[in-house]
Amino acid sequence: MSIIKLNENLRASIKADPLATARQVLATEGQALLELSTFLNSSFEDAIEMIFAAEGRVIVTGMGKSGHVARKIAATLASTGTPAFFVHPAEASHGDMGMIVRGDVVLALSNSGEAKE
């Protein structure tokens, strides 16, 4: 099914019964989160421990869509009391690396792990 057809179907569903559609979307997203939770392992635990133990800030970075997610994580951390900011990986090699100092923790996000930056 094409994305255009999916959007048409979603629009029709919303128009027909907005509450049922919203409930279905939330149920689907909730199920996806439950399934995602099975992938949490000791690496996640290690990352959390490093963030809690950080003497500096949490620097979050990522390229492309991972960068968009990284920006949101940095903003959420900062707004909830954890000093954090986003550094674009391409800009890091052009001077922004100087913003990262001893005691900071870097959280690098990547979907593929293949981006050269």
N, C-alpha and C. Protein backbone atom coordinates (compact mmCIF):
# COMPACT_ATOMS: atom_id res chain seq x y z
N MET A 1 0.85 -1.17 0.00
CA MET A 1 0.00 0.00 0.00
C MET A 1 0.89 1.23 0.00
N SER A 2 0.60 2.18 -0.87
CA SER A 2 1.42 3.39 -0.95
C SER A 2 1.10 4.31 0.22
N ILE A 3 2.02 5.22 0.51
CA ILE A 3 1.83 6.18 1.60
C ILE A 3 0.65 7.09 1.29
N ILE A 4 0.44 7.40 0.01
CA ILE A 4 -0.69 8.26 -0.36
C ILE A 4 -2.00 7.54 -0.05
N LYS A 5 -2.08 6.27 -0.40
CA LYS A 5 -3.29 5.49 -0.12
C LYS A 5 -3.50 5.38 1.39
N LEU A 6 -2.41 5.17 2.13
CA LEU A 6 -2.51 5.09 3.58
C LEU A 6 -3.07 6.39 4.14
N ASN A 7 -2.56 7.52 3.67
CA ASN A 7 -3.05 8.81 4.13
C ASN A 7 -4.53 8.99 3.80
N GLU A 8 -4.95 8.57 2.61
CA GLU A 8 -6.37 8.66 2.23
C GLU A 8 -7.21 7.80 3.16
N ASN A 9 -6.75 6.59 3.45
CA ASN A 9 -7.49 5.71 4.36
C ASN A 9 -7.56 6.29 5.77
N LEU A 10 -6.47 6.88 6.23
CA LEU A 10 -6.45 7.48 7.56
C LEU A 10 -7.40 8.66 7.63
N ARG A 11 -7.36 9.50 6.61
CA ARG A 11 -8.28 10.65 6.57
C ARG A 11 -9.73 10.19 6.61
N ALA A 12 -10.05 9.17 5.82
CA ALA A 12 -11.42 8.66 5.79
C ALA A 12 -11.82 8.11 7.16
N SER A 13 -10.90 7.41 7.81
CA SER A 13 -11.15 6.84 9.13
C SER A 13 -11.38 7.94 10.16
N ILE A 14 -10.56 8.98 10.11
CA ILE A 14 -10.70 10.10 11.05
C ILE A 14 -12.04 10.79 10.85
N LYS A 15 -12.41 11.03 9.60
CA LYS A 15 -13.69 11.69 9.32
C LYS A 15 -14.86 10.83 9.79
N ALA A 16 -14.77 9.52 9.58
CA ALA A 16 -15.87 8.62 9.93
C ALA A 16 -16.04 8.50 11.45
N ASP A 17 -14.95 8.36 12.18
CA ASP A 17 -15.03 8.17 13.63
C ASP A 17 -13.73 8.62 14.29
N PRO A 18 -13.62 9.92 14.56
CA PRO A 18 -12.36 10.45 15.10
C PRO A 18 -11.93 9.81 16.42
N LEU A 19 -12.87 9.58 17.33
CA LEU A 19 -12.50 8.99 18.62
C LEU A 19 -11.99 7.57 18.47
N ALA A 20 -12.67 6.77 17.69
CA ALA A 20 -12.23 5.38 17.48
C ALA A 20 -10.87 5.34 16.81
N THR A 21 -10.66 6.24 15.85
CA THR A 21 -9.37 6.30 15.16
C THR A 21 -8.27 6.68 16.14
N ALA A 22 -8.52 7.70 16.97
CA ALA A 22 -7.52 8.13 17.95
C ALA A 22 -7.20 7.01 18.94
N ARG A 23 -8.24 6.32 19.38
CA ARG A 23 -8.01 5.20 20.31
C ARG A 23 -7.20 4.08 19.66
N GLN A 24 -7.49 3.81 18.40
CA GLN A 24 -6.75 2.77 17.68
C GLN A 24 -5.28 3.16 17.50
N VAL A 25 -5.05 4.42 17.16
CA VAL A 25 -3.67 4.91 17.00
C VAL A 25 -2.92 4.77 18.32
N LEU A 26 -3.54 5.20 19.42
CA LEU A 26 -2.89 5.09 20.73
C LEU A 26 -2.63 3.64 21.12
N ALA A 27 -3.58 2.76 20.83
CA ALA A 27 -3.38 1.34 21.13
C ALA A 27 -2.23 0.77 20.32
N THR A 28 -2.16 1.14 19.04
CA THR A 28 -1.08 0.66 18.17
C THR A 28 0.27 1.17 18.65
N GLU A 29 0.34 2.47 18.98
CA GLU A 29 1.59 3.05 19.47
C GLU A 29 1.99 2.44 20.81
N GLY A 30 1.02 2.21 21.68
CA GLY A 30 1.31 1.58 22.97
C GLY A 30 1.89 0.19 22.80
N GLN A 31 1.31 -0.58 21.89
CA GLN A 31 1.81 -1.93 21.62
C GLN A 31 3.24 -1.87 21.08
N ALA A 32 3.49 -0.89 20.20
CA ALA A 32 4.84 -0.74 19.65
C ALA A 32 5.85 -0.43 20.75
N LEU A 33 5.47 0.41 21.72
CA LEU A 33 6.36 0.71 22.84
C LEU A 33 6.62 -0.52 23.70
N LEU A 34 5.59 -1.30 23.93
CA LEU A 34 5.78 -2.54 24.70
C LEU A 34 6.76 -3.48 23.99
N GLU A 35 6.60 -3.61 22.68
CA GLU A 35 7.51 -4.47 21.92
C GLU A 35 8.93 -3.91 21.93
N LEU A 36 9.05 -2.59 21.85
CA LEU A 36 10.37 -1.95 21.88
C LEU A 36 11.07 -2.20 23.21
N SER A 37 10.31 -2.26 24.28
CA SER A 37 10.91 -2.45 25.61
C SER A 37 11.66 -3.77 25.73
N THR A 38 11.35 -4.74 24.90
CA THR A 38 12.05 -6.03 24.96
C THR A 38 13.49 -5.92 24.45
N PHE A 39 13.81 -4.82 23.76
CA PHE A 39 15.17 -4.64 23.24
C PHE A 39 16.10 -3.96 24.25
N LEU A 40 15.55 -3.48 25.36
CA LEU A 40 16.39 -2.85 26.37
C LEU A 40 17.27 -3.91 27.02
N ASN A 41 18.56 -3.59 27.15
CA ASN A 41 19.49 -4.55 27.73
C ASN A 41 20.52 -3.83 28.59
N SER A 42 21.60 -4.48 28.90
CA SER A 42 22.61 -3.88 29.78
C SER A 42 23.27 -2.66 29.15
N SER A 43 23.29 -2.56 27.83
CA SER A 43 23.85 -1.37 27.18
C SER A 43 23.04 -0.13 27.55
N PHE A 44 21.72 -0.29 27.58
CA PHE A 44 20.84 0.81 27.98
C PHE A 44 21.12 1.20 29.43
N GLU A 45 21.24 0.20 30.27
CA GLU A 45 21.53 0.42 31.68
C GLU A 45 22.88 1.14 31.86
N ASP A 46 23.88 0.72 31.09
CA ASP A 46 25.20 1.36 31.14
C ASP A 46 25.12 2.83 30.75
N ALA A 47 24.35 3.11 29.70
CA ALA A 47 24.20 4.50 29.24
C ALA A 47 23.54 5.36 30.31
N ILE A 48 22.51 4.84 30.94
CA ILE A 48 21.82 5.58 32.01
C ILE A 48 22.77 5.85 33.17
N GLU A 49 23.55 4.86 33.55
CA GLU A 49 24.51 5.03 34.65
C GLU A 49 25.55 6.09 34.30
N MET A 50 26.01 6.11 33.04
CA MET A 50 26.99 7.12 32.62
C MET A 50 26.39 8.52 32.67
N ILE A 51 25.13 8.64 32.26
CA ILE A 51 24.48 9.96 32.30
C ILE A 51 24.33 10.43 33.74
N PHE A 52 23.89 9.55 34.64
CA PHE A 52 23.75 9.93 36.05
C PHE A 52 25.08 10.29 36.69
N ALA A 53 26.15 9.61 36.28
CA ALA A 53 27.47 9.84 36.87
C ALA A 53 28.22 11.01 36.22
N ALA A 54 27.70 11.54 35.14
CA ALA A 54 28.40 12.60 34.41
C ALA A 54 28.64 13.82 35.31
N GLU A 55 29.86 14.31 35.27
CA GLU A 55 30.19 15.52 36.01
C GLU A 55 29.91 16.76 35.15
N GLY A 56 29.82 16.55 33.85
CA GLY A 56 29.55 17.65 32.94
C GLY A 56 28.15 17.56 32.36
N ARG A 57 28.08 17.83 31.07
CA ARG A 57 26.79 17.84 30.38
C ARG A 57 26.64 16.61 29.51
N VAL A 58 25.42 16.40 29.05
CA VAL A 58 25.16 15.32 28.10
C VAL A 58 25.12 15.96 26.72
N ILE A 59 26.03 15.53 25.86
CA ILE A 59 26.07 16.02 24.48
C ILE A 59 25.41 14.95 23.62
N VAL A 60 24.39 15.34 22.88
CA VAL A 60 23.65 14.38 22.06
C VAL A 60 23.90 14.73 20.60
N THR A 61 24.19 13.71 19.79
CA THR A 61 24.52 13.94 18.39
C THR A 61 23.91 12.85 17.52
N GLY A 62 23.71 13.18 16.28
CA GLY A 62 23.18 12.23 15.31
C GLY A 62 23.04 12.91 13.96
N MET A 63 23.06 12.12 12.91
CA MET A 63 22.99 12.62 11.54
C MET A 63 21.64 12.25 10.94
N GLY A 64 21.08 13.12 10.12
CA GLY A 64 19.82 12.83 9.45
C GLY A 64 18.67 12.72 10.43
N LYS A 65 17.83 11.70 10.25
CA LYS A 65 16.68 11.49 11.15
C LYS A 65 17.15 11.26 12.58
N SER A 66 18.27 10.57 12.73
CA SER A 66 18.82 10.36 14.08
C SER A 66 19.16 11.70 14.72
N GLY A 67 19.58 12.65 13.90
CA GLY A 67 19.86 14.00 14.40
C GLY A 67 18.61 14.69 14.92
N HIS A 68 17.49 14.50 14.22
CA HIS A 68 16.23 15.08 14.69
C HIS A 68 15.84 14.49 16.05
N VAL A 69 16.00 13.19 16.18
CA VAL A 69 15.70 12.52 17.44
C VAL A 69 16.67 13.01 18.52
N ALA A 70 17.94 13.15 18.16
CA ALA A 70 18.96 13.61 19.11
C ALA A 70 18.64 15.02 19.62
N ARG A 71 18.19 15.90 18.72
CA ARG A 71 17.81 17.26 19.15
C ARG A 71 16.69 17.20 20.19
N LYS A 72 15.71 16.35 19.95
CA LYS A 72 14.58 16.23 20.88
C LYS A 72 15.04 15.67 22.22
N ILE A 73 15.92 14.67 22.19
CA ILE A 73 16.43 14.11 23.45
C ILE A 73 17.19 15.17 24.23
N ALA A 74 18.05 15.93 23.55
CA ALA A 74 18.82 16.98 24.22
C ALA A 74 17.89 18.03 24.83
N ALA A 75 16.87 18.43 24.08
CA ALA A 75 15.92 19.43 24.59
C ALA A 75 15.15 18.89 25.79
N THR A 76 14.73 17.64 25.72
CA THR A 76 13.98 17.04 26.83
C THR A 76 14.86 16.92 28.07
N LEU A 77 16.09 16.46 27.90
CA LEU A 77 17.00 16.37 29.05
C LEU A 77 17.21 17.74 29.67
N ALA A 78 17.48 18.75 28.84
CA ALA A 78 17.73 20.10 29.34
C ALA A 78 16.51 20.66 30.08
N SER A 79 15.32 20.42 29.54
CA SER A 79 14.12 20.98 30.15
C SER A 79 13.70 20.25 31.42
N THR A 80 14.29 19.09 31.67
CA THR A 80 13.96 18.34 32.89
C THR A 80 15.12 18.35 33.90
N GLY A 81 16.08 19.25 33.68
CA GLY A 81 17.12 19.47 34.68
C GLY A 81 18.46 18.83 34.44
N THR A 82 18.63 18.12 33.34
CA THR A 82 19.93 17.54 33.02
C THR A 82 20.61 18.43 31.99
N PRO A 83 21.74 19.05 32.34
CA PRO A 83 22.41 19.91 31.37
C PRO A 83 22.76 19.12 30.10
N ALA A 84 22.22 19.55 28.98
CA ALA A 84 22.41 18.81 27.73
C ALA A 84 22.27 19.75 26.55
N PHE A 85 22.94 19.40 25.45
CA PHE A 85 22.73 20.13 24.20
C PHE A 85 23.09 19.24 23.02
N PHE A 86 22.65 19.65 21.86
CA PHE A 86 22.87 18.91 20.61
C PHE A 86 24.08 19.47 19.89
N VAL A 87 24.92 18.59 19.36
CA VAL A 87 26.02 18.98 18.47
C VAL A 87 25.85 18.22 17.17
N HIS A 88 25.77 18.96 16.07
CA HIS A 88 25.66 18.32 14.75
C HIS A 88 27.01 17.69 14.42
N PRO A 89 27.03 16.41 14.04
CA PRO A 89 28.30 15.73 13.82
C PRO A 89 29.15 16.34 12.71
N ALA A 90 28.52 16.89 11.68
CA ALA A 90 29.30 17.51 10.60
C ALA A 90 29.94 18.80 11.07
N GLU A 91 29.27 19.52 11.97
CA GLU A 91 29.82 20.77 12.50
C GLU A 91 30.88 20.52 13.57
N ALA A 92 30.82 19.36 14.20
CA ALA A 92 31.78 19.04 15.26
C ALA A 92 33.21 19.11 14.75
N SER A 93 33.41 18.66 13.52
CA SER A 93 34.77 18.66 12.97
C SER A 93 35.18 20.04 12.44
N HIS A 94 34.29 21.00 12.51
CA HIS A 94 34.59 22.36 12.05
C HIS A 94 34.55 23.36 13.20
N GLY A 95 34.90 22.90 14.40
CA GLY A 95 35.03 23.80 15.53
C GLY A 95 34.10 23.52 16.70
N ASP A 96 32.97 22.90 16.44
CA ASP A 96 32.01 22.67 17.54
C ASP A 96 32.49 21.62 18.53
N MET A 97 33.51 20.86 18.18
CA MET A 97 34.07 19.87 19.10
C MET A 97 34.61 20.56 20.35
N GLY A 98 34.99 21.83 20.21
CA GLY A 98 35.50 22.59 21.34
C GLY A 98 34.48 22.83 22.44
N MET A 99 33.20 22.62 22.14
CA MET A 99 32.15 22.78 23.16
C MET A 99 32.10 21.58 24.10
N ILE A 100 32.74 20.48 23.70
CA ILE A 100 32.72 19.26 24.51
C ILE A 100 33.98 19.24 25.36
N VAL A 101 33.80 19.10 26.68
CA VAL A 101 34.93 19.16 27.60
C VAL A 101 34.97 17.91 28.47
N ARG A 102 36.09 17.75 29.18
CA ARG A 102 36.26 16.62 30.09
C ARG A 102 35.08 16.59 31.08
N GLY A 103 34.55 15.42 31.31
CA GLY A 103 33.42 15.26 32.22
C GLY A 103 32.08 15.19 31.52
N ASP A 104 32.04 15.61 30.24
CA ASP A 104 30.80 15.50 29.46
C ASP A 104 30.61 14.06 29.01
N VAL A 105 29.37 13.69 28.76
CA VAL A 105 29.04 12.37 28.22
C VAL A 105 28.44 12.60 26.84
N VAL A 106 28.90 11.84 25.86
CA VAL A 106 28.37 11.97 24.49
C VAL A 106 27.44 10.80 24.22
N LEU A 107 26.22 11.12 23.81
CA LEU A 107 25.23 10.13 23.41
C LEU A 107 25.08 10.27 21.90
N ALA A 108 25.64 9.32 21.15
CA ALA A 108 25.62 9.37 19.68
C ALA A 108 24.56 8.41 19.16
N LEU A 109 23.61 8.94 18.40
CA LEU A 109 22.52 8.13 17.84
C LEU A 109 22.78 7.85 16.38
N SER A 110 22.50 6.62 15.96
CA SER A 110 22.63 6.24 14.56
C SER A 110 21.69 5.09 14.26
N ASN A 111 21.01 5.17 13.15
CA ASN A 111 20.15 4.07 12.72
C ASN A 111 20.99 2.93 12.16
N SER A 112 21.96 3.29 11.32
CA SER A 112 22.76 2.26 10.64
C SER A 112 24.16 2.10 11.21
N GLY A 113 24.68 3.15 11.81
CA GLY A 113 26.06 3.13 12.27
C GLY A 113 27.06 3.34 11.14
N GLU A 114 26.56 3.68 9.96
CA GLU A 114 27.41 3.80 8.78
C GLU A 114 27.78 5.24 8.41
N ALA A 115 27.13 6.25 8.99
CA ALA A 115 27.43 7.64 8.64
C ALA A 115 28.88 7.96 9.01
N LYS A 116 29.60 8.58 8.09
CA LYS A 116 31.02 8.88 8.33
C LYS A 116 31.19 9.93 9.43
N GLU A 117 30.25 10.83 9.55
CA GLU A 117 30.35 11.87 10.57
C GLU A 117 30.30 11.23 11.95
